[in-house]
Each structure stands twice: as structure tokens, then as C-alpha cells.
PDB file of N, CA and C in Angstrom:
ATOM      1  N   MET A   1     -35.425  87.658   2.788  1.00  0.00           N
ATOM      2  CA  MET A   1     -35.731  88.312   1.540  1.00  0.00           C
ATOM      3  C   MET A   1     -34.869  89.555   1.435  1.00  0.00           C
ATOM      4  N   LYS A   2     -34.201  89.759   0.306  1.00  0.00           N
ATOM      5  CA  LYS A   2     -33.317  90.892   0.120  1.00  0.00           C
ATOM      6  C   LYS A   2     -34.096  92.089  -0.400  1.00  0.00           C
ATOM      7  N   PRO A   3     -33.888  93.262   0.193  1.00  0.00           N
ATOM      8  CA  PRO A   3     -34.513  94.463  -0.364  1.00  0.00           C
ATOM      9  C   PRO A   3     -33.848  94.831  -1.682  1.00  0.00           C
ATOM     10  N   ILE A   4     -34.567  95.510  -2.530  1.00  0.00           N
ATOM     11  CA  ILE A   4     -34.052  95.938  -3.818  1.00  0.00           C
ATOM     12  C   ILE A   4     -33.580  97.376  -3.654  1.00  0.00           C
ATOM     13  N   SER A   5     -32.300  97.561  -3.387  1.00  0.00           N
ATOM     14  CA  SER A   5     -31.650  98.846  -3.231  1.00  0.00           C
ATOM     15  C   SER A   5     -32.326  99.755  -2.199  1.00  0.00           C
ATOM     16  N   GLY A   6     -33.031  99.202  -1.234  1.00  0.00           N
ATOM     17  CA  GLY A   6     -33.610  99.992  -0.160  1.00  0.00           C
ATOM     18  C   GLY A   6     -34.656 100.991  -0.606  1.00  0.00           C
ATOM     19  N   SER A   7     -35.223 100.823  -1.767  1.00  0.00           N
ATOM     20  CA  SER A   7     -36.187 101.782  -2.294  1.00  0.00           C
ATOM     21  C   SER A   7     -37.547 101.626  -1.632  1.00  0.00           C
ATOM     22  N   TYR A   8     -38.378 102.637  -1.817  1.00  0.00           N
ATOM     23  CA  TYR A   8     -39.731 102.599  -1.280  1.00  0.00           C
ATOM     24  C   TYR A   8     -40.485 101.396  -1.820  1.00  0.00           C
ATOM     25  N   SER A   9     -40.322 101.110  -3.119  1.00  0.00           N
ATOM     26  CA  SER A   9     -41.042  99.978  -3.710  1.00  0.00           C
ATOM     27  C   SER A   9     -40.629  98.670  -3.053  1.00  0.00           C
ATOM     28  N   SER A  10     -39.387  98.574  -2.631  1.00  0.00           N
ATOM     29  CA  SER A  10     -38.923  97.378  -1.936  1.00  0.00           C
ATOM     30  C   SER A  10     -39.631  97.231  -0.595  1.00  0.00           C
ATOM     31  N   GLU A  11     -39.811  98.331   0.111  1.00  0.00           N
ATOM     32  CA  GLU A  11     -40.508  98.297   1.396  1.00  0.00           C
ATOM     33  C   GLU A  11     -41.962  97.884   1.204  1.00  0.00           C
ATOM     34  N   VAL A  12     -42.579  98.385   0.164  1.00  0.00           N
ATOM     35  CA  VAL A  12     -43.970  98.021  -0.142  1.00  0.00           C
ATOM     36  C   VAL A  12     -44.045  96.542  -0.484  1.00  0.00           C
ATOM     37  N   GLU A  13     -43.086  96.072  -1.297  1.00  0.00           N
ATOM     38  CA  GLU A  13     -43.026  94.658  -1.672  1.00  0.00           C
ATOM     39  C   GLU A  13     -42.906  93.788  -0.424  1.00  0.00           C
ATOM     40  N   ASP A  14     -41.987  94.136   0.467  1.00  0.00           N
ATOM     41  CA  ASP A  14     -41.788  93.360   1.691  1.00  0.00           C
ATOM     42  C   ASP A  14     -43.032  93.363   2.566  1.00  0.00           C
ATOM     43  N   ALA A  15     -43.654  94.521   2.728  1.00  0.00           N
ATOM     44  CA  ALA A  15     -44.858  94.619   3.564  1.00  0.00           C
ATOM     45  C   ALA A  15     -45.976  93.763   2.981  1.00  0.00           C
ATOM     46  N   TRP A  16     -46.162  93.816   1.685  1.00  0.00           N
ATOM     47  CA  TRP A  16     -47.228  93.041   1.052  1.00  0.00           C
ATOM     48  C   TRP A  16     -46.975  91.549   1.227  1.00  0.00           C
ATOM     49  N   ILE A  17     -45.752  91.118   0.985  1.00  0.00           N
ATOM     50  CA  ILE A  17     -45.415  89.693   1.078  1.00  0.00           C
ATOM     51  C   ILE A  17     -45.632  89.170   2.493  1.00  0.00           C
ATOM     52  N   HIS A  18     -45.326  89.987   3.508  1.00  0.00           N
ATOM     53  CA  HIS A  18     -45.416  89.515   4.889  1.00  0.00           C
ATOM     54  C   HIS A  18     -46.838  89.571   5.462  1.00  0.00           C
ATOM     55  N   ASN A  19     -47.773  90.193   4.771  1.00  0.00           N
ATOM     56  CA  ASN A  19     -49.139  90.325   5.283  1.00  0.00           C
ATOM     57  C   ASN A  19     -50.156  89.619   4.405  1.00  0.00           C
ATOM     58  N   ILE A  20     -49.827  88.438   3.951  1.00  0.00           N
ATOM     59  CA  ILE A  20     -50.705  87.725   3.040  1.00  0.00           C
ATOM     60  C   ILE A  20     -51.102  86.367   3.591  1.00  0.00           C
ATOM     61  N   ASP A  21     -52.120  85.823   3.003  1.00  0.00           N
ATOM     62  CA  ASP A  21     -52.549  84.471   3.311  1.00  0.00           C
ATOM     63  C   ASP A  21     -51.724  83.533   2.429  1.00  0.00           C
ATOM     64  N   ARG A  22     -50.898  82.709   3.050  1.00  0.00           N
ATOM     65  CA  ARG A  22     -49.958  81.879   2.288  1.00  0.00           C
ATOM     66  C   ARG A  22     -50.661  80.892   1.346  1.00  0.00           C
ATOM     67  N   LYS A  23     -51.770  80.322   1.780  1.00  0.00           N
ATOM     68  CA  LYS A  23     -52.480  79.369   0.920  1.00  0.00           C
ATOM     69  C   LYS A  23     -52.983  80.062  -0.339  1.00  0.00           C
ATOM     70  N   GLN A  24     -53.536  81.250  -0.176  1.00  0.00           N
ATOM     71  CA  GLN A  24     -54.033  81.992  -1.322  1.00  0.00           C
ATOM     72  C   GLN A  24     -52.865  82.416  -2.222  1.00  0.00           C
ATOM     73  N   LEU A  25     -51.720  82.763  -1.625  1.00  0.00           N
ATOM     74  CA  LEU A  25     -50.552  83.121  -2.419  1.00  0.00           C
ATOM     75  C   LEU A  25     -50.083  81.929  -3.247  1.00  0.00           C
ATOM     76  N   LEU A  26     -50.052  80.741  -2.649  1.00  0.00           N
ATOM     77  CA  LEU A  26     -49.624  79.548  -3.385  1.00  0.00           C
ATOM     78  C   LEU A  26     -50.558  79.254  -4.549  1.00  0.00           C
ATOM     79  N   LEU A  27     -51.848  79.474  -4.343  1.00  0.00           N
ATOM     80  CA  LEU A  27     -52.804  79.298  -5.446  1.00  0.00           C
ATOM     81  C   LEU A  27     -52.528  80.302  -6.562  1.00  0.00           C
ATOM     82  N   ALA A  28     -52.183  81.534  -6.188  1.00  0.00           N
ATOM     83  CA  ALA A  28     -51.876  82.560  -7.187  1.00  0.00           C
ATOM     84  C   ALA A  28     -50.592  82.204  -7.932  1.00  0.00           C
ATOM     85  N   ILE A  29     -49.567  81.774  -7.209  1.00  0.00           N
ATOM     86  CA  ILE A  29     -48.301  81.395  -7.833  1.00  0.00           C
ATOM     87  C   ILE A  29     -48.516  80.241  -8.805  1.00  0.00           C
ATOM     88  N   ASP A  30     -49.379  79.308  -8.441  1.00  0.00           N
ATOM     89  CA  ASP A  30     -49.667  78.157  -9.299  1.00  0.00           C
ATOM     90  C   ASP A  30     -50.243  78.580 -10.641  1.00  0.00           C
ATOM     91  N   ARG A  31     -50.860  79.743 -10.702  1.00  0.00           N
ATOM     92  CA  ARG A  31     -51.455  80.232 -11.951  1.00  0.00           C
ATOM     93  C   ARG A  31     -50.447  80.926 -12.854  1.00  0.00           C
ATOM     94  N   LEU A  32     -49.234  81.168 -12.358  1.00  0.00           N
ATOM     95  CA  LEU A  32     -48.204  81.820 -13.168  1.00  0.00           C
ATOM     96  C   LEU A  32     -47.634  80.858 -14.206  1.00  0.00           C
ATOM     97  N   SER A  33     -47.025  81.414 -15.230  1.00  0.00           N
ATOM     98  CA  SER A  33     -46.330  80.595 -16.222  1.00  0.00           C
ATOM     99  C   SER A  33     -45.102  79.972 -15.569  1.00  0.00           C
ATOM    100  N   GLY A  34     -44.555  78.968 -16.200  1.00  0.00           N
ATOM    101  CA  GLY A  34     -43.365  78.302 -15.677  1.00  0.00           C
ATOM    102  C   GLY A  34     -42.196  79.267 -15.503  1.00  0.00           C
ATOM    103  N   ALA A  35     -41.988  80.160 -16.477  1.00  0.00           N
ATOM    104  CA  ALA A  35     -40.888  81.125 -16.409  1.00  0.00           C
ATOM    105  C   ALA A  35     -41.094  82.107 -15.251  1.00  0.00           C
ATOM    106  N   ASP A  36     -42.340  82.534 -15.043  1.00  0.00           N
ATOM    107  CA  ASP A  36     -42.634  83.447 -13.938  1.00  0.00           C
ATOM    108  C   ASP A  36     -42.430  82.753 -12.587  1.00  0.00           C
ATOM    109  N   LYS A  37     -42.887  81.505 -12.485  1.00  0.00           N
ATOM    110  CA  LYS A  37     -42.674  80.742 -11.249  1.00  0.00           C
ATOM    111  C   LYS A  37     -41.189  80.597 -10.958  1.00  0.00           C
ATOM    112  N   HIS A  38     -40.404  80.354 -12.003  1.00  0.00           N
ATOM    113  CA  HIS A  38     -38.964  80.193 -11.844  1.00  0.00           C
ATOM    114  C   HIS A  38     -38.343  81.460 -11.255  1.00  0.00           C
ATOM    115  N   LEU A  39     -38.722  82.625 -11.775  1.00  0.00           N
ATOM    116  CA  LEU A  39     -38.173  83.866 -11.254  1.00  0.00           C
ATOM    117  C   LEU A  39     -38.602  84.083  -9.804  1.00  0.00           C
ATOM    118  N   VAL A  40     -39.850  83.796  -9.479  1.00  0.00           N
ATOM    119  CA  VAL A  40     -40.322  83.918  -8.098  1.00  0.00           C
ATOM    120  C   VAL A  40     -39.517  82.992  -7.198  1.00  0.00           C
ATOM    121  N   TYR A  41     -39.278  81.778  -7.640  1.00  0.00           N
ATOM    122  CA  TYR A  41     -38.493  80.817  -6.867  1.00  0.00           C
ATOM    123  C   TYR A  41     -37.081  81.338  -6.629  1.00  0.00           C
ATOM    124  N   LEU A  42     -36.444  81.829  -7.686  1.00  0.00           N
ATOM    125  CA  LEU A  42     -35.078  82.337  -7.553  1.00  0.00           C
ATOM    126  C   LEU A  42     -35.021  83.524  -6.586  1.00  0.00           C
ATOM    127  N   ARG A  43     -35.975  84.426  -6.716  1.00  0.00           N
ATOM    128  CA  ARG A  43     -35.971  85.661  -5.917  1.00  0.00           C
ATOM    129  C   ARG A  43     -36.301  85.396  -4.456  1.00  0.00           C
ATOM    130  N   TYR A  44     -37.338  84.624  -4.198  1.00  0.00           N
ATOM    131  CA  TYR A  44     -37.828  84.500  -2.827  1.00  0.00           C
ATOM    132  C   TYR A  44     -37.409  83.212  -2.127  1.00  0.00           C
ATOM    133  N   ALA A  45     -37.393  82.100  -2.809  1.00  0.00           N
ATOM    134  CA  ALA A  45     -36.977  80.847  -2.160  1.00  0.00           C
ATOM    135  C   ALA A  45     -35.456  80.769  -2.060  1.00  0.00           C
ATOM    136  N   ASN A  46     -34.765  81.221  -3.113  1.00  0.00           N
ATOM    137  CA  ASN A  46     -33.307  81.185  -3.109  1.00  0.00           C
ATOM    138  C   ASN A  46     -32.689  82.495  -2.639  1.00  0.00           C
ATOM    139  N   ASP A  47     -33.533  83.504  -2.395  1.00  0.00           N
ATOM    140  CA  ASP A  47     -33.078  84.796  -1.875  1.00  0.00           C
ATOM    141  C   ASP A  47     -32.001  85.420  -2.761  1.00  0.00           C
ATOM    142  N   MET A  48     -32.188  85.312  -4.079  1.00  0.00           N
ATOM    143  CA  MET A  48     -31.218  85.847  -5.025  1.00  0.00           C
ATOM    144  C   MET A  48     -31.526  87.308  -5.343  1.00  0.00           C
ATOM    145  N   SER A  49     -30.477  88.068  -5.587  1.00  0.00           N
ATOM    146  CA  SER A  49     -30.634  89.464  -6.009  1.00  0.00           C
ATOM    147  C   SER A  49     -31.026  89.476  -7.486  1.00  0.00           C
ATOM    148  N   PHE A  50     -31.527  90.611  -7.945  1.00  0.00           N
ATOM    149  CA  PHE A  50     -31.853  90.719  -9.364  1.00  0.00           C
ATOM    150  C   PHE A  50     -30.579  90.647 -10.212  1.00  0.00           C
ATOM    151  N   LYS A  51     -29.473  91.097  -9.675  1.00  0.00           N
ATOM    152  CA  LYS A  51     -28.197  90.996 -10.392  1.00  0.00           C
ATOM    153  C   LYS A  51     -27.834  89.523 -10.610  1.00  0.00           C
ATOM    154  N   GLU A  52     -28.008  88.693  -9.576  1.00  0.00           N
ATOM    155  CA  GLU A  52     -27.724  87.257  -9.684  1.00  0.00           C
ATOM    156  C   GLU A  52     -28.699  86.571 -10.641  1.00  0.00           C
ATOM    157  N   ILE A  53     -29.960  86.944 -10.546  1.00  0.00           N
ATOM    158  CA  ILE A  53     -30.979  86.369 -11.432  1.00  0.00           C
ATOM    159  C   ILE A  53     -30.677  86.735 -12.882  1.00  0.00           C
ATOM    160  N   ALA A  54     -30.302  87.994 -13.106  1.00  0.00           N
ATOM    161  CA  ALA A  54     -29.982  88.456 -14.461  1.00  0.00           C
ATOM    162  C   ALA A  54     -28.832  87.644 -15.054  1.00  0.00           C
ATOM    163  N   ALA A  55     -27.794  87.422 -14.264  1.00  0.00           N
ATOM    164  CA  ALA A  55     -26.648  86.650 -14.743  1.00  0.00           C
ATOM    165  C   ALA A  55     -27.062  85.219 -15.078  1.00  0.00           C
ATOM    166  N   LEU A  56     -27.886  84.625 -14.236  1.00  0.00           N
ATOM    167  CA  LEU A  56     -28.341  83.257 -14.456  1.00  0.00           C
ATOM    168  C   LEU A  56     -29.211  83.140 -15.711  1.00  0.00           C
ATOM    169  N   LEU A  57     -30.081  84.125 -15.925  1.00  0.00           N
ATOM    170  CA  LEU A  57     -31.008  84.082 -17.052  1.00  0.00           C
ATOM    171  C   LEU A  57     -30.430  84.681 -18.330  1.00  0.00           C
ATOM    172  N   GLY A  58     -29.269  85.311 -18.234  1.00  0.00           N
ATOM    173  CA  GLY A  58     -28.651  85.906 -19.415  1.00  0.00           C
ATOM    174  C   GLY A  58     -29.340  87.168 -19.896  1.00  0.00           C
ATOM    175  N   VAL A  59     -29.858  87.956 -18.954  1.00  0.00           N
ATOM    176  CA  VAL A  59     -30.505  89.231 -19.279  1.00  0.00           C
ATOM    177  C   VAL A  59     -29.863  90.325 -18.438  1.00  0.00           C
ATOM    178  N   SER A  60     -30.208  91.566 -18.723  1.00  0.00           N
ATOM    179  CA  SER A  60     -29.665  92.665 -17.928  1.00  0.00           C
ATOM    180  C   SER A  60     -30.339  92.693 -16.558  1.00  0.00           C
ATOM    181  N   GLU A  61     -29.674  93.326 -15.607  1.00  0.00           N
ATOM    182  CA  GLU A  61     -30.255  93.449 -14.268  1.00  0.00           C
ATOM    183  C   GLU A  61     -31.566  94.229 -14.331  1.00  0.00           C
ATOM    184  N   GLN A  62     -31.603  95.269 -15.157  1.00  0.00           N
ATOM    185  CA  GLN A  62     -32.818  96.070 -15.304  1.00  0.00           C
ATOM    186  C   GLN A  62     -33.971  95.226 -15.848  1.00  0.00           C
ATOM    187  N   THR A  63     -33.692  94.355 -16.802  1.00  0.00           N
ATOM    188  CA  THR A  63     -34.722  93.476 -17.360  1.00  0.00           C
ATOM    189  C   THR A  63     -35.244  92.518 -16.294  1.00  0.00           C
ATOM    190  N   ALA A  64     -34.336  91.943 -15.516  1.00  0.00           N
ATOM    191  CA  ALA A  64     -34.747  91.031 -14.446  1.00  0.00           C
ATOM    192  C   ALA A  64     -35.597  91.762 -13.420  1.00  0.00           C
ATOM    193  N   GLN A  65     -35.204  92.993 -13.084  1.00  0.00           N
ATOM    194  CA  GLN A  65     -35.956  93.783 -12.111  1.00  0.00           C
ATOM    195  C   GLN A  65     -37.358  94.106 -12.631  1.00  0.00           C
ATOM    196  N   LYS A  66     -37.442  94.577 -13.855  1.00  0.00           N
ATOM    197  CA  LYS A  66     -38.752  94.903 -14.444  1.00  0.00           C
ATOM    198  C   LYS A  66     -39.643  93.672 -14.486  1.00  0.00           C
ATOM    199  N   ARG A  67     -39.066  92.569 -14.900  1.00  0.00           N
ATOM    200  CA  ARG A  67     -39.836  91.319 -14.969  1.00  0.00           C
ATOM    201  C   ARG A  67     -40.320  90.912 -13.581  1.00  0.00           C
ATOM    202  N   GLY A  68     -39.446  91.047 -12.590  1.00  0.00           N
ATOM    203  CA  GLY A  68     -39.822  90.728 -11.216  1.00  0.00           C
ATOM    204  C   GLY A  68     -40.974  91.585 -10.717  1.00  0.00           C
ATOM    205  N   TYR A  69     -40.924  92.885 -10.996  1.00  0.00           N
ATOM    206  CA  TYR A  69     -42.000  93.775 -10.571  1.00  0.00           C
ATOM    207  C   TYR A  69     -43.304  93.466 -11.295  1.00  0.00           C
ATOM    208  N   ARG A  70     -43.204  93.136 -12.574  1.00  0.00           N
ATOM    209  CA  ARG A  70     -44.416  92.787 -13.333  1.00  0.00           C
ATOM    210  C   ARG A  70     -45.051  91.503 -12.792  1.00  0.00           C
ATOM    211  N   ILE A  71     -44.207  90.542 -12.456  1.00  0.00           N
ATOM    212  CA  ILE A  71     -44.721  89.292 -11.889  1.00  0.00           C
ATOM    213  C   ILE A  71     -45.376  89.561 -10.542  1.00  0.00           C
ATOM    214  N   LEU A  72     -44.767  90.407  -9.734  1.00  0.00           N
ATOM    215  CA  LEU A  72     -45.347  90.736  -8.433  1.00  0.00           C
ATOM    216  C   LEU A  72     -46.705  91.418  -8.603  1.00  0.00           C
ATOM    217  N   GLU A  73     -46.810  92.309  -9.579  1.00  0.00           N
ATOM    218  CA  GLU A  73     -48.103  92.956  -9.849  1.00  0.00           C
ATOM    219  C   GLU A  73     -49.138  91.931 -10.306  1.00  0.00           C
ATOM    220  N   LYS A  74     -48.706  90.995 -11.143  1.00  0.00           N
ATOM    221  CA  LYS A  74     -49.601  89.927 -11.600  1.00  0.00           C
ATOM    222  C   LYS A  74     -50.065  89.093 -10.400  1.00  0.00           C
ATOM    223  N   LEU A  75     -49.127  88.760  -9.512  1.00  0.00           N
ATOM    224  CA  LEU A  75     -49.471  87.991  -8.313  1.00  0.00           C
ATOM    225  C   LEU A  75     -50.460  88.744  -7.438  1.00  0.00           C
ATOM    226  N   ARG A  76     -50.236  90.040  -7.282  1.00  0.00           N
ATOM    227  CA  ARG A  76     -51.172  90.851  -6.485  1.00  0.00           C
ATOM    228  C   ARG A  76     -52.575  90.758  -7.052  1.00  0.00           C
ATOM    229  N   GLY A  77     -52.672  90.894  -8.375  1.00  0.00           N
ATOM    230  CA  GLY A  77     -53.982  90.815  -9.023  1.00  0.00           C
ATOM    231  C   GLY A  77     -54.637  89.464  -8.814  1.00  0.00           C
ATOM    232  N   LEU A  78     -53.870  88.395  -9.008  1.00  0.00           N
ATOM    233  CA  LEU A  78     -54.410  87.048  -8.808  1.00  0.00           C
ATOM    234  C   LEU A  78     -54.784  86.829  -7.353  1.00  0.00           C
ATOM    235  N   TYR A  79     -53.951  87.287  -6.460  1.00  0.00           N
ATOM    236  CA  TYR A  79     -54.186  87.106  -5.024  1.00  0.00           C
ATOM    237  C   TYR A  79     -55.442  87.859  -4.587  1.00  0.00           C
ATOM    238  N   GLU A  80     -55.560  89.103  -5.013  1.00  0.00           N
ATOM    239  CA  GLU A  80     -56.696  89.928  -4.592  1.00  0.00           C
ATOM    240  C   GLU A  80     -58.005  89.444  -5.199  1.00  0.00           C
ATOM    241  N   LYS A  81     -57.915  88.818  -6.368  1.00  0.00           N
ATOM    242  CA  LYS A  81     -59.117  88.277  -7.014  1.00  0.00           C
ATOM    243  C   LYS A  81     -59.663  87.097  -6.219  1.00  0.00           C
ATOM    244  N   GLY A  82     -58.759  86.342  -5.596  1.00  0.00           N
ATOM    245  CA  GLY A  82     -59.169  85.186  -4.805  1.00  0.00           C
ATOM    246  C   GLY A  82     -59.482  83.996  -5.692  1.00  0.00           C
ATOM    247  N   PHE A  83     -59.634  82.849  -5.046  1.00  0.00           N
ATOM    248  CA  PHE A  83     -59.852  81.616  -5.775  1.00  0.00           C
ATOM    249  C   PHE A  83     -60.860  80.744  -5.055  1.00  0.00           C
ATOM    250  N   ASP A  84     -61.567  79.972  -5.829  1.00  0.00           N
ATOM    251  CA  ASP A  84     -62.457  78.951  -5.283  1.00  0.00           C
ATOM    252  C   ASP A  84     -61.667  77.651  -5.293  1.00  0.00           C
ATOM    253  N   GLU A  85     -61.470  77.058  -4.116  1.00  0.00           N
ATOM    254  CA  GLU A  85     -60.672  75.833  -4.009  1.00  0.00           C
ATOM    255  C   GLU A  85     -61.267  74.671  -4.796  1.00  0.00           C
ATOM    256  N   ASN A  86     -62.558  74.715  -5.097  1.00  0.00           N
ATOM    257  CA  ASN A  86     -63.207  73.615  -5.785  1.00  0.00           C
ATOM    258  C   ASN A  86     -63.159  73.740  -7.301  1.00  0.00           C
ATOM    259  N   VAL A  87     -62.567  74.835  -7.803  1.00  0.00           N
ATOM    260  CA  VAL A  87     -62.469  75.054  -9.243  1.00  0.00           C
ATOM    261  C   VAL A  87     -61.036  74.799  -9.666  1.00  0.00           C
ATOM    262  N   GLN A  88     -60.867  74.054 -10.759  1.00  0.00           N
ATOM    263  CA  GLN A  88     -59.535  73.819 -11.286  1.00  0.00           C
ATOM    264  C   GLN A  88     -59.226  74.900 -12.298  1.00  0.00           C
ATOM    265  N   TYR A  89     -58.165  75.675 -12.032  1.00  0.00           N
ATOM    266  CA  TYR A  89     -57.751  76.751 -12.927  1.00  0.00           C
ATOM    267  C   TYR A  89     -56.730  76.224 -13.897  1.00  0.00           C
ATOM    268  N   VAL A  90     -56.836  76.668 -15.153  1.00  0.00           N
ATOM    269  CA  VAL A  90     -55.925  76.184 -16.190  1.00  0.00           C
ATOM    270  C   VAL A  90     -55.046  77.325 -16.658  1.00  0.00           C
TER     271      VAL A  90
END
């Protein structure tokens, strides 16, 4: 995973990602919109920088970064809320 310009927020992001329950994270990711899942995939599975993501999506690097942080905050909220495995979320 690439840090985002070595900033404090990047360190917090890395620490949070590495100290989570993967099953619960996957359930949270599943609740994201298709576009949000795509950005998460590009950033974390493909290890792309926000500059690379911005070029691919045709947006500014700042827009890609803001969107990435908003998605991460959304994931945190979904993750911390938790899920019941027996309930189908729509």
C-alpha cells in the first residue's frame, strides 16, 4: 500500500487498514456503490497512487484524493457499525 505523501493522515489510514477484521471489512466494502468499490480496488488491490487514479478516471489528483478519503470515512462508519451475517443488505 502506498502512503499518500507521507502525511499523518496516511499513517492513520495505514494503521486502521492493518488492524481490522478482514471479513467485516469485506462486508463493508460490499455495501459501497460500484464507483466507490472501483476506487478502493484501484487504490488498494492495484496499489495505484491518487495521481494514477486521477488520470484513469479523468479527474484531478485532488478530486481523486478527496474521494478516496471520503470513501475511507464511509468504510470506517460501515465497519464500526458492524453487520449481521444473516441479514441481506441492499
